[in-house]
Amino acid sequence: MSDELESLAADAYVYGFPLVSGLSMMDRFVRVGMGVLPPTPFNRFAHATRLAAPDTRFVSVNNDTVYSIAQLDLSGGPLLLHTPDTGGAYHVLQFVDAWSANFAYLGSRATGTGEGSWAIVPPGWSGTEPAGVRGVIDAPTPVVTIVGRNACAGPADLPRVRALQQELTLTPLGEPHPTGLPTPDPAVPGALRFFERMRVWSADFPPAAPDQAYQERFQPLGLLEEGPSPYASAGPELADALEAGLAEGARRVEEANTAPAADGGEPGAWVSDPHLFDHNLDHFGVGTLDEARWKAADRTASYLRRAVAARAGLWGNHGYEAVYAYTFRDADGEPLTGDRRYTLTFDSPPPVAAFWSVTMYDVPEYHLVANPVDRYSIGDRTPGLVRGADGSLTIRIQHDPPPDEANWLPAPEGAFRPMIRLYLPREPVLDGSYTLPRIERVRTG
């Protein structure tokens, strides 16, 4: 019986990881903030006043845009969202439900860059659409994260972005009485806290009906029990099975996260999956593409991919908004490390409609890396880049400063994982016909 419980607990961990990870981050944003984003109550935007830096302790945070993030609690009723005119500049507001599914987008690609107002309504809402709004955004869960990103060309561009942020507002429609996140039992010990969070939060924020049917199988683990926590004084058999299952589930997620690229794992190939965030199969609001191409074919198999997406890039966009590519190895198949020096050469710019960048992260946390020149990414908007006579661009990736720092992307002393972001990718990126160049080790002597 214990082996069966352990296997079930591993499945539960994989299934529930996006919920627990996302709502834990939501709770952190509200209570203590995140790096450049101060703690902010529900239903208000927290605005970054600068680009992300190493003190922004968030998985794979980007350094291309300035964040405006809001945690919504719609238990008190709808909210009115006002968006400013960005004057043609790239921006996106991404709507993420409690289970990490992207269910709506506003912004350059989805709705344009003009001013507008939108009503955001809770599940089951049957009120009258407010006058003057451009549309209604139906939330699948009572709590929602809005991830706003405004393109920023650097410190000199911040005043423009700050002015736009002040015009991005949320206003309650009616008398608000939000309830926030339910509190898991603080008496639950150690690894069992994960399952306590999953139990409490999945009850208050249930997923789509097909997913609810799947999670019924976790009943022997106590995950469907209401009332007092079954984990505060769990028996040894259940406690041991849950702890072992958590370890196995975490191993599965990490193994899938670092698996070779789908092209057969050729040495140094970038892992780029435009469909990593295709696990939304049930709710398609404003700005989403309700097409088979952007839906995972196998719901059950998508649970692991969803967990990997939350682990490697929580709150990432669908591929049609942005594509992310990463690698752990150089062109020889050797792990990337600050003990060595590398180059990354683009013979021509990647095919995008907006912009692109390469950002440096440490391993295994995938956080930005502190360095003496405060440079965390390089891209087509980086000032002062030096290109070859043929228009090519060679980025130097290493820990110690090169003689010419113009094209330098600083690396940490140890292992690292760079990520390339392609904003509004064109079809060659989406269909796989475009291949990113590999990172080459610089050999001396």
Protein backbone atom coordinates (compact mmCIF):
# COMPACT_ATOMS: atom_id res chain seq x y z
CA MET A 1 0.00 0.00 0.00
CA SER A 2 2.82 2.42 0.82
CA ASP A 3 4.30 2.05 -2.69
CA GLU A 4 0.91 2.88 -4.20
CA LEU A 5 0.55 5.92 -1.95
CA GLU A 6 4.05 7.07 -2.82
CA SER A 7 3.37 6.80 -6.55
CA LEU A 8 0.07 8.63 -6.11
CA ALA A 9 1.79 11.35 -4.08
CA ALA A 10 4.37 11.83 -6.85
CA ASP A 11 1.55 12.27 -9.37
CA ALA A 12 -0.16 14.72 -7.02
CA TYR A 13 3.01 16.76 -6.67
CA VAL A 14 3.41 17.10 -10.43
CA TYR A 15 -0.28 17.94 -10.85
CA GLY A 16 -0.41 20.47 -8.00
CA PHE A 17 3.00 22.11 -8.38
CA PRO A 18 1.77 25.00 -10.61
CA LEU A 19 -1.06 25.80 -8.18
CA VAL A 20 1.17 25.75 -5.10
CA SER A 21 4.05 27.54 -6.79
CA GLY A 22 1.88 30.26 -8.33
CA LEU A 23 -0.24 30.98 -5.26
CA SER A 24 2.80 30.89 -2.96
CA MET A 25 4.29 33.56 -5.20
CA MET A 26 0.99 35.47 -5.13
CA ASP A 27 1.04 35.39 -1.33
CA ARG A 28 4.64 36.60 -1.32
CA PHE A 29 3.82 39.51 -3.62
CA VAL A 30 0.99 40.64 -1.36
CA ARG A 31 2.83 40.25 1.96
CA VAL A 32 6.49 41.07 1.32
CA GLY A 33 6.83 42.05 -2.34
CA MET A 34 9.44 40.85 -4.78
CA GLY A 35 12.69 42.70 -5.40
CA VAL A 36 11.83 45.99 -7.12
CA LEU A 37 8.11 45.36 -6.58
CA PRO A 38 6.88 46.45 -3.12
CA PRO A 39 4.26 44.51 -1.12
CA THR A 40 0.90 45.49 -2.54
CA PRO A 41 -2.66 44.59 -1.46
CA PHE A 42 -4.98 42.62 -3.70
CA ASN A 43 -6.61 44.54 -6.56
CA ARG A 44 -3.85 47.12 -6.92
CA PHE A 45 -0.88 47.23 -9.28
CA ALA A 46 2.66 47.01 -7.96
CA HIS A 47 4.92 48.91 -10.33
CA ALA A 48 8.62 48.31 -10.74
CA THR A 49 10.57 51.56 -10.91
CA ARG A 50 13.52 49.95 -12.67
CA LEU A 51 14.39 46.89 -14.68
CA ALA A 52 14.79 43.59 -12.82
CA ALA A 53 18.12 42.97 -11.07
CA PRO A 54 19.64 40.18 -8.94
CA ASP A 55 17.55 41.27 -5.95
CA THR A 56 14.44 40.30 -7.92
CA ARG A 57 14.34 36.74 -6.64
CA PHE A 58 11.98 35.34 -9.26
CA VAL A 59 12.45 32.34 -11.53
CA SER A 60 13.78 33.40 -14.96
CA VAL A 61 12.68 37.02 -14.50
CA ASN A 62 13.14 39.11 -17.65
CA ASN A 63 15.38 42.15 -17.95
CA ASP A 64 13.75 43.53 -21.12
CA THR A 65 10.59 45.03 -19.75
CA VAL A 66 9.45 46.89 -16.65
CA TYR A 67 6.91 44.91 -14.66
CA SER A 68 3.52 46.02 -13.39
CA ILE A 69 1.95 43.13 -11.50
CA ALA A 70 -1.42 42.88 -9.78
CA GLN A 71 -2.87 40.08 -7.70
CA LEU A 72 -6.65 40.07 -8.09
CA ASP A 73 -9.24 38.78 -5.63
CA LEU A 74 -12.59 38.81 -7.40
CA SER A 75 -14.54 37.33 -4.49
CA GLY A 76 -15.80 40.87 -3.83
CA GLY A 77 -17.03 41.35 -7.40
CA PRO A 78 -15.80 42.67 -10.75
CA LEU A 79 -13.00 45.15 -11.32
CA LEU A 80 -12.64 47.84 -13.96
CA LEU A 81 -9.21 47.89 -15.62
CA HIS A 82 -8.01 50.99 -17.45
CA THR A 83 -5.09 50.72 -19.89
CA PRO A 84 -3.21 53.73 -21.32
CA ASP A 85 -2.20 54.55 -24.87
CA THR A 86 1.44 53.42 -25.18
CA GLY A 87 2.04 55.37 -28.38
CA GLY A 88 2.85 52.23 -30.36
CA ALA A 89 5.39 50.88 -27.85
CA TYR A 90 5.29 47.16 -27.03
CA HIS A 91 3.37 46.14 -23.94
CA VAL A 92 1.33 43.19 -22.76
CA LEU A 93 -1.01 42.41 -19.88
CA GLN A 94 -1.12 38.66 -19.33
CA PHE A 95 -3.93 37.13 -17.22
CA VAL A 96 -3.06 33.95 -15.29
CA ASP A 97 -5.49 31.88 -13.24
CA ALA A 98 -4.77 30.04 -9.98
CA TRP A 99 -3.57 26.96 -11.89
CA SER A 100 -1.06 28.99 -13.98
CA ALA A 101 -3.17 28.94 -17.17
CA ASN A 102 -2.94 32.04 -19.38
CA PHE A 103 -6.56 32.84 -20.20
CA ALA A 104 -6.46 36.39 -21.64
CA TYR A 105 -4.08 38.99 -23.07
CA LEU A 106 -4.30 42.72 -23.68
CA GLY A 107 -1.61 44.66 -25.47
CA SER A 108 0.26 45.28 -28.70
CA ARG A 109 -0.42 41.92 -30.35
CA ALA A 110 -3.82 41.17 -28.86
CA THR A 111 -5.72 44.47 -28.71
CA GLY A 112 -3.38 47.18 -29.95
CA THR A 113 -1.65 50.00 -28.10
CA GLY A 114 -4.57 52.40 -27.68
CA GLU A 115 -6.32 53.42 -24.48
CA GLY A 116 -9.23 51.36 -23.18
CA SER A 117 -11.24 50.00 -20.27
CA TRP A 118 -12.08 46.37 -19.52
CA ALA A 119 -14.31 44.64 -16.98
CA ILE A 120 -12.72 41.68 -15.15
CA VAL A 121 -15.41 39.43 -13.69
CA PRO A 122 -15.35 36.38 -11.35
CA PRO A 123 -16.52 32.86 -12.25
CA GLY A 124 -20.28 32.58 -12.61
CA TRP A 125 -20.83 36.35 -12.85
CA SER A 126 -24.17 37.27 -14.45
CA GLY A 127 -24.25 41.05 -14.13
CA THR A 128 -24.60 43.73 -16.79
CA GLU A 129 -21.56 44.79 -18.76
CA PRO A 130 -20.54 48.30 -17.69
CA ALA A 131 -20.98 51.07 -20.23
CA GLY A 132 -17.92 52.23 -22.11
CA VAL A 133 -15.79 49.12 -21.74
CA ARG A 134 -14.08 47.49 -24.70
CA GLY A 135 -14.95 44.03 -23.43
CA VAL A 136 -15.31 41.61 -20.51
CA ILE A 137 -12.54 39.34 -19.23
CA ASP A 138 -14.02 36.23 -17.60
CA ALA A 139 -11.77 34.83 -14.88
CA PRO A 140 -11.75 31.02 -14.46
CA THR A 141 -10.79 31.31 -10.77
CA PRO A 142 -11.60 33.93 -8.09
CA VAL A 143 -7.92 34.85 -7.80
CA VAL A 144 -5.92 36.00 -10.81
CA THR A 145 -2.46 37.34 -11.52
CA ILE A 146 -1.99 40.11 -14.08
CA VAL A 147 1.59 40.28 -15.36
CA GLY A 148 2.15 43.57 -17.14
CA ARG A 149 5.28 44.16 -19.19
CA ASN A 150 6.27 47.47 -20.79
CA ALA A 151 9.23 47.41 -23.15
CA CYS A 152 12.03 49.59 -21.80
CA ALA A 153 15.19 50.52 -23.70
CA GLY A 154 17.15 51.27 -20.51
CA PRO A 155 17.33 53.82 -17.67
CA ALA A 156 16.77 56.77 -20.00
CA ASP A 157 13.46 55.26 -21.08
CA LEU A 158 12.12 54.80 -17.55
CA PRO A 159 10.29 58.17 -17.28
CA ARG A 160 8.13 57.22 -20.28
CA VAL A 161 7.30 53.85 -18.73
CA ARG A 162 6.59 55.36 -15.31
CA ALA A 163 4.07 57.76 -16.86
CA LEU A 164 2.27 54.82 -18.48
CA GLN A 165 2.24 52.90 -15.20
CA GLN A 166 0.40 55.72 -13.45
CA GLU A 167 -2.43 55.41 -15.97
CA LEU A 168 -2.79 51.64 -15.46
CA THR A 169 -5.51 51.34 -12.83
CA LEU A 170 -7.95 48.91 -11.20
CA THR A 171 -11.27 50.12 -9.75
CA PRO A 172 -13.86 47.96 -7.94
CA LEU A 173 -17.31 47.85 -9.51
CA GLY A 174 -19.45 47.93 -6.40
CA GLU A 175 -18.61 47.44 -2.73
CA PRO A 176 -15.48 45.26 -2.49
CA HIS A 177 -15.12 42.61 0.19
CA PRO A 178 -12.24 40.41 -1.00
CA THR A 179 -11.29 37.38 1.08
CA GLY A 180 -7.76 36.67 -0.20
CA LEU A 181 -6.02 33.32 -0.01
CA PRO A 182 -7.16 30.78 2.59
CA THR A 183 -4.50 30.02 5.18
CA PRO A 184 -3.06 26.48 5.31
CA ASP A 185 -2.71 24.95 8.77
CA PRO A 186 0.62 26.26 10.16
CA ALA A 187 0.96 23.15 12.35
CA VAL A 188 1.62 20.91 9.34
CA PRO A 189 5.29 19.92 9.39
CA GLY A 190 8.03 19.88 6.74
CA ALA A 191 7.38 18.44 3.31
CA LEU A 192 3.71 17.88 4.13
CA ARG A 193 3.15 21.64 3.90
CA PHE A 194 3.13 21.34 0.13
CA PHE A 195 0.19 18.96 0.23
CA GLU A 196 -1.60 21.10 2.82
CA ARG A 197 -1.37 24.12 0.53
CA MET A 198 -2.57 22.02 -2.37
CA ARG A 199 -5.51 20.67 -0.34
CA VAL A 200 -6.69 24.07 0.89
CA TRP A 201 -6.12 26.04 -2.30
CA SER A 202 -7.55 23.46 -4.72
CA ALA A 203 -10.74 23.42 -2.64
CA ASP A 204 -11.21 27.20 -2.84
CA PHE A 205 -9.97 27.56 -6.42
CA PRO A 206 -11.13 24.42 -8.24
CA PRO A 207 -9.79 23.75 -11.75
CA ALA A 208 -11.80 22.99 -14.88
CA ALA A 209 -14.19 20.04 -14.66
CA PRO A 210 -11.93 17.52 -16.50
CA ASP A 211 -9.08 18.33 -14.12
CA GLN A 212 -11.37 17.94 -11.12
CA ALA A 213 -12.20 14.45 -12.34
CA TYR A 214 -8.49 13.63 -12.50
CA GLN A 215 -7.74 14.91 -9.01
CA GLU A 216 -10.45 12.67 -7.50
CA ARG A 217 -7.84 9.92 -7.61
CA PHE A 218 -5.89 11.72 -4.88
CA GLN A 219 -8.57 11.02 -2.28
CA PRO A 220 -6.44 8.35 -0.47
CA LEU A 221 -3.82 11.08 0.17
CA GLY A 222 -6.27 13.29 2.06
CA LEU A 223 -6.15 15.99 -0.60
CA LEU A 224 -9.94 16.10 -0.94
CA GLU A 225 -10.71 16.31 2.77
CA GLU A 226 -12.47 19.39 4.09
CA GLY A 227 -12.11 20.95 7.52
CA PRO A 228 -9.12 20.32 9.81
CA SER A 229 -5.92 19.28 8.11
CA PRO A 230 -5.26 15.54 7.88
CA TYR A 231 -1.54 16.33 7.76
CA ALA A 232 -1.13 18.04 11.14
CA SER A 233 -0.99 14.61 12.79
CA ALA A 234 -0.60 12.27 9.83
CA GLY A 235 0.24 8.64 10.56
CA PRO A 236 3.73 7.40 9.70
CA GLU A 237 2.65 5.44 6.61
CA LEU A 238 0.93 8.44 5.02
CA ALA A 239 3.64 10.89 6.10
CA ASP A 240 6.42 8.70 4.72
CA ALA A 241 4.55 8.15 1.44
CA LEU A 242 3.93 11.88 1.01
CA GLU A 243 7.55 12.79 1.70
CA ALA A 244 8.86 10.13 -0.67
CA GLY A 245 6.28 11.07 -3.30
CA LEU A 246 7.22 14.73 -3.07
CA ALA A 247 10.87 13.86 -3.65
CA GLU A 248 10.00 11.65 -6.62
CA GLY A 249 7.63 14.24 -8.09
CA ALA A 250 10.28 16.95 -7.77
CA ARG A 251 12.78 14.65 -9.47
CA ARG A 252 10.39 14.10 -12.39
CA VAL A 253 9.88 17.83 -12.85
CA GLU A 254 13.60 18.60 -12.68
CA GLU A 255 14.47 15.75 -15.05
CA ALA A 256 11.90 16.94 -17.58
CA ASN A 257 13.17 20.51 -17.17
CA THR A 258 16.73 19.57 -18.06
CA ALA A 259 15.90 16.94 -20.72
CA PRO A 260 17.65 17.16 -24.11
CA ALA A 261 16.06 19.24 -26.83
CA ALA A 262 13.33 17.66 -28.91
CA ASP A 263 15.62 17.71 -31.96
CA GLY A 264 17.51 14.76 -30.54
CA GLY A 265 19.71 16.56 -28.05
CA GLU A 266 22.40 17.70 -30.47
CA PRO A 267 25.34 19.22 -28.54
CA GLY A 268 24.58 22.74 -27.41
CA ALA A 269 21.18 22.97 -29.08
CA TRP A 270 18.86 25.51 -27.51
CA VAL A 271 15.71 24.08 -25.96
CA SER A 272 12.91 26.12 -27.45
CA ASP A 273 9.33 25.01 -27.02
CA PRO A 274 6.71 27.52 -28.27
CA HIS A 275 4.07 25.19 -26.83
CA LEU A 276 5.33 24.91 -23.25
CA PHE A 277 2.45 27.07 -22.00
CA ASP A 278 -0.28 25.37 -24.03
CA HIS A 279 -1.85 23.67 -20.98
CA ASN A 280 -4.88 25.98 -20.98
CA LEU A 281 -7.53 23.78 -22.60
CA ASP A 282 -10.72 25.26 -21.19
CA HIS A 283 -10.79 29.07 -20.97
CA PHE A 284 -10.03 31.28 -23.98
CA GLY A 285 -10.61 34.95 -23.37
CA VAL A 286 -9.59 38.18 -25.04
CA GLY A 287 -6.29 37.92 -26.90
CA THR A 288 -5.88 34.12 -26.70
CA LEU A 289 -5.87 31.85 -29.73
CA ASP A 290 -8.52 29.14 -29.44
CA GLU A 291 -6.85 26.89 -31.99
CA ALA A 292 -5.75 23.25 -31.93
CA ARG A 293 -2.20 24.38 -32.63
CA TRP A 294 -2.07 26.07 -29.22
CA LYS A 295 -3.67 23.33 -27.13
CA ALA A 296 -1.89 20.36 -25.59
CA ALA A 297 -3.11 17.19 -27.31
CA ASP A 298 -3.03 15.05 -24.15
CA ARG A 299 -4.50 16.61 -21.01
CA THR A 300 -2.91 14.14 -18.59
CA ALA A 301 0.53 14.42 -20.20
CA SER A 302 0.26 18.20 -20.04
CA TYR A 303 0.37 18.15 -16.23
CA LEU A 304 4.11 17.45 -16.28
CA ARG A 305 4.74 20.09 -18.95
CA ARG A 306 2.69 22.56 -16.91
CA ALA A 307 4.83 21.82 -13.86
CA VAL A 308 8.02 22.28 -15.89
CA ALA A 309 6.71 25.62 -17.17
CA ALA A 310 6.03 26.77 -13.60
CA ARG A 311 9.44 25.52 -12.46
CA ALA A 312 11.48 27.08 -15.26
CA GLY A 313 9.46 30.20 -16.06
CA LEU A 314 6.46 30.86 -13.83
CA TRP A 315 3.88 33.11 -15.52
CA GLY A 316 5.49 32.78 -18.96
CA ASN A 317 3.58 33.70 -22.11
CA HIS A 318 2.13 31.55 -24.85
CA GLY A 319 4.50 31.07 -27.76
CA TYR A 320 2.55 33.43 -29.99
CA GLU A 321 3.36 36.27 -27.55
CA ALA A 322 6.95 35.34 -26.75
CA VAL A 323 9.22 32.32 -27.23
CA TYR A 324 11.85 31.36 -24.67
CA ALA A 325 14.91 29.25 -25.46
CA TYR A 326 17.57 28.05 -23.05
CA THR A 327 20.61 25.80 -22.94
CA PHE A 328 22.87 24.30 -20.31
CA ARG A 329 25.64 23.24 -22.73
CA ASP A 330 28.06 24.59 -25.32
CA ALA A 331 28.47 23.41 -28.91
CA ASP A 332 30.73 20.57 -27.72
CA GLY A 333 28.03 19.30 -25.38
CA GLU A 334 29.95 20.43 -22.29
CA PRO A 335 28.14 22.13 -19.36
CA LEU A 336 28.32 25.91 -19.38
CA THR A 337 30.47 27.26 -16.56
CA GLY A 338 32.12 30.52 -15.57
CA ASP A 339 35.46 28.73 -15.57
CA ARG A 340 35.46 29.01 -19.37
CA ARG A 341 34.92 31.70 -22.01
CA TYR A 342 32.37 31.55 -24.82
CA THR A 343 31.00 33.39 -27.83
CA LEU A 344 27.50 33.47 -29.29
CA THR A 345 27.35 34.80 -32.85
CA PHE A 346 24.20 35.88 -34.69
CA ASP A 347 24.89 36.12 -38.43
CA SER A 348 21.55 37.91 -38.76
CA PRO A 349 18.93 39.06 -36.25
CA PRO A 350 16.36 36.50 -35.06
CA PRO A 351 13.00 36.83 -36.89
CA VAL A 352 10.76 38.77 -34.50
CA ALA A 353 8.14 41.50 -34.87
CA ALA A 354 9.09 43.18 -31.58
CA PHE A 355 12.58 42.56 -30.09
CA TRP A 356 14.91 39.87 -28.74
CA SER A 357 17.45 39.40 -25.95
CA VAL A 358 19.84 36.97 -24.22
CA THR A 359 19.63 36.94 -20.40
CA MET A 360 22.01 35.27 -17.94
CA TYR A 361 20.79 33.10 -15.02
CA ASP A 362 22.51 31.07 -12.35
CA VAL A 363 21.86 27.37 -11.71
CA PRO A 364 19.83 25.86 -10.11
CA GLU A 365 17.67 28.81 -9.00
CA TYR A 366 17.55 30.57 -12.40
CA HIS A 367 18.02 34.02 -10.88
CA LEU A 368 19.81 37.00 -12.42
CA VAL A 369 23.55 37.11 -11.77
CA ALA A 370 25.21 40.06 -10.04
CA ASN A 371 28.17 41.52 -11.94
CA PRO A 372 30.38 44.64 -11.83
CA VAL A 373 28.78 46.35 -14.84
CA ASP A 374 25.14 45.66 -13.88
CA ARG A 375 24.42 43.99 -17.20
CA TYR A 376 22.04 41.06 -17.03
CA SER A 377 20.98 40.79 -20.66
CA ILE A 378 22.03 41.76 -24.17
CA GLY A 379 19.73 42.25 -27.15
CA ASP A 380 18.84 44.30 -30.18
CA ARG A 381 18.12 47.36 -28.00
CA THR A 382 21.40 47.27 -26.03
CA PRO A 383 23.30 50.52 -26.70
CA GLY A 384 26.89 50.45 -27.89
CA LEU A 385 27.01 46.93 -29.33
CA VAL A 386 29.79 46.38 -31.87
CA ARG A 387 28.85 44.44 -35.00
CA GLY A 388 31.07 42.85 -37.61
CA ALA A 389 31.59 44.28 -41.08
CA ASP A 390 29.04 41.78 -42.37
CA GLY A 391 26.45 42.90 -39.82
CA SER A 392 26.92 39.89 -37.54
CA LEU A 393 26.82 40.24 -33.77
CA THR A 394 29.13 38.25 -31.48
CA ILE A 395 28.28 38.22 -27.77
CA ARG A 396 31.10 37.37 -25.36
CA ILE A 397 29.95 35.22 -22.44
CA GLN A 398 32.42 34.86 -19.58
CA HIS A 399 32.92 35.62 -15.89
CA ASP A 400 35.97 37.89 -16.10
CA PRO A 401 35.71 41.11 -18.15
CA PRO A 402 37.06 40.93 -21.71
CA PRO A 403 39.34 43.73 -23.02
CA ASP A 404 36.35 45.26 -24.84
CA GLU A 405 33.19 45.09 -22.70
CA ALA A 406 30.79 46.37 -25.37
CA ASN A 407 29.43 42.91 -26.25
CA TRP A 408 30.03 41.28 -22.86
CA LEU A 409 27.31 39.25 -21.12
CA PRO A 410 28.74 38.53 -17.64
CA ALA A 411 28.47 34.95 -16.34
CA PRO A 412 28.71 33.68 -12.74
CA GLU A 413 31.72 31.78 -11.45
CA GLY A 414 29.90 28.46 -11.54
CA ALA A 415 27.25 26.81 -13.72
CA PHE A 416 24.84 29.02 -15.64
CA ARG A 417 21.88 28.84 -18.00
CA PRO A 418 21.29 31.66 -20.49
CA MET A 419 17.85 32.26 -21.98
CA ILE A 420 16.96 33.86 -25.31
CA ARG A 421 13.63 35.68 -25.51
CA LEU A 422 11.95 36.36 -28.84
CA TYR A 423 9.07 38.83 -28.49
CA LEU A 424 6.28 38.49 -31.06
CA PRO A 425 8.15 35.74 -32.91
CA ARG A 426 7.57 35.32 -36.63
CA GLU A 427 6.54 32.05 -38.24
CA PRO A 428 10.08 30.63 -38.78
CA VAL A 429 10.48 30.62 -34.99
CA LEU A 430 7.08 29.06 -34.38
CA ASP A 431 7.38 26.34 -37.01
CA GLY A 432 10.95 25.45 -36.04
CA SER A 433 12.59 26.35 -39.33
CA TYR A 434 14.73 29.02 -37.64
CA THR A 435 17.69 27.64 -35.67
CA LEU A 436 19.41 29.64 -32.95
CA PRO A 437 23.24 29.68 -33.10
CA ARG A 438 25.06 27.63 -30.48
CA ILE A 439 27.42 28.85 -27.82
CA GLU A 440 31.04 28.19 -28.79
CA ARG A 441 33.83 27.70 -26.27
CA VAL A 442 36.84 29.98 -26.76
CA ARG A 443 40.02 27.92 -26.71
CA THR A 444 43.43 29.41 -26.04
CA GLY A 445 46.90 28.05 -26.77
